[in-house]
Protein backbone atom coordinates (compact mmCIF):
# COMPACT_ATOMS: atom_id res chain seq x y z
CA MET A 1 5.16 -13.24 8.52
CA PRO A 2 2.53 -10.18 9.54
CA TYR A 3 3.17 -6.82 8.72
CA THR A 4 1.99 -4.10 10.78
CA GLY A 5 1.93 -0.17 9.64
CA SER A 6 -0.52 3.04 10.67
CA CYS A 7 -0.44 6.63 9.89
CA HIS A 8 1.64 9.09 10.90
CA CYS A 9 -0.27 10.09 13.93
CA GLY A 10 -1.07 6.28 14.96
CA ALA A 11 -4.81 6.50 15.09
CA VAL A 12 -5.73 4.76 11.95
CA THR A 13 -2.96 0.70 12.10
CA PHE A 14 -3.40 -2.00 10.35
CA THR A 15 -1.85 -5.54 9.44
CA VAL A 16 -0.76 -7.04 5.99
CA ALA A 17 -0.65 -11.10 6.41
CA ASP A 18 2.06 -11.77 4.01
CA ALA A 19 4.72 -9.20 2.33
CA PRO A 20 3.87 -7.75 -1.40
CA THR A 21 5.52 -8.93 -4.28
CA GLU A 22 4.74 -6.05 -6.63
CA ALA A 23 3.33 -2.63 -5.83
CA MET A 24 1.55 -0.05 -7.76
CA SER A 25 3.41 3.71 -7.63
CA CYS A 26 1.31 6.59 -9.29
CA ASN A 27 2.44 10.26 -10.64
CA CYS A 28 -0.18 11.82 -8.77
CA ASN A 29 -0.46 13.88 -5.51
CA VAL A 30 -2.54 11.28 -3.53
CA CYS A 31 -1.32 7.59 -4.01
CA GLY A 32 2.13 7.36 -3.13
CA THR A 33 3.41 4.30 -3.42
CA GLN A 34 0.70 1.49 -2.62
CA SER A 35 0.04 -2.47 -2.79
CA PHE A 36 -3.34 -3.77 -3.27
CA ALA A 37 -4.54 -6.77 -1.15
CA GLU A 38 -7.41 -8.89 -0.78
CA GLY A 39 -9.96 -7.99 2.76
CA ASP A 40 -12.90 -6.99 3.94
CA SER A 41 -13.91 -3.45 3.88
CA PRO A 42 -17.28 -1.45 3.71
CA ASP A 43 -17.24 -0.54 0.34
CA GLY A 44 -15.68 -3.93 -1.33
CA PRO A 45 -12.95 -6.92 -1.37
CA VAL A 46 -10.07 -4.83 -2.46
CA LEU A 47 -8.53 -2.65 0.38
CA ALA A 48 -5.31 -0.60 -0.76
CA PHE A 49 -2.35 0.47 1.50
CA ASN A 50 0.76 3.32 0.71
CA LEU A 51 3.42 0.66 1.47
CA ARG A 52 5.65 3.95 3.19
CA CYS A 53 3.20 3.09 6.54
CA VAL A 54 5.22 -0.56 6.56
CA PRO A 55 8.90 -0.42 7.96
CA GLU A 56 9.40 -3.82 7.79
CA ILE A 57 8.86 -4.20 3.65
CA ASP A 58 11.42 -2.56 1.32
CA ILE A 59 9.93 -0.73 -1.26
CA ASP A 60 13.10 -1.14 -3.57
CA ALA A 61 13.02 -4.80 -3.90
CA LEU A 62 9.42 -4.80 -5.35
CA LYS A 63 8.16 -4.89 -8.68
CA ILE A 64 7.23 -1.56 -8.91
CA ASN A 65 4.06 -0.79 -11.80
CA LYS A 66 4.20 2.63 -12.69
CA VAL A 67 0.56 4.73 -13.76
CA ASP A 68 0.20 8.35 -15.07
CA GLY A 69 -2.68 9.11 -12.39
CA ALA A 70 -1.78 12.71 -13.31
CA SER A 71 -3.04 12.48 -16.15
CA PHE A 72 -6.43 11.20 -15.70
């Protein structure tokens, strides 16, 4: 089942083919709760998207890998 999301204003939209089973949660002021997926992008084969922009995904049901990005 594909999931769709967008930025807050709706100018950028995306579709995720499959629901993620785990995600990354970073404590910096940029990342938020993200997931990474294989795909095409101008900069390479990995795309990151903020799961809080995909209302159908239950973040609490995912395995969350915590990252201390504030210390980098």
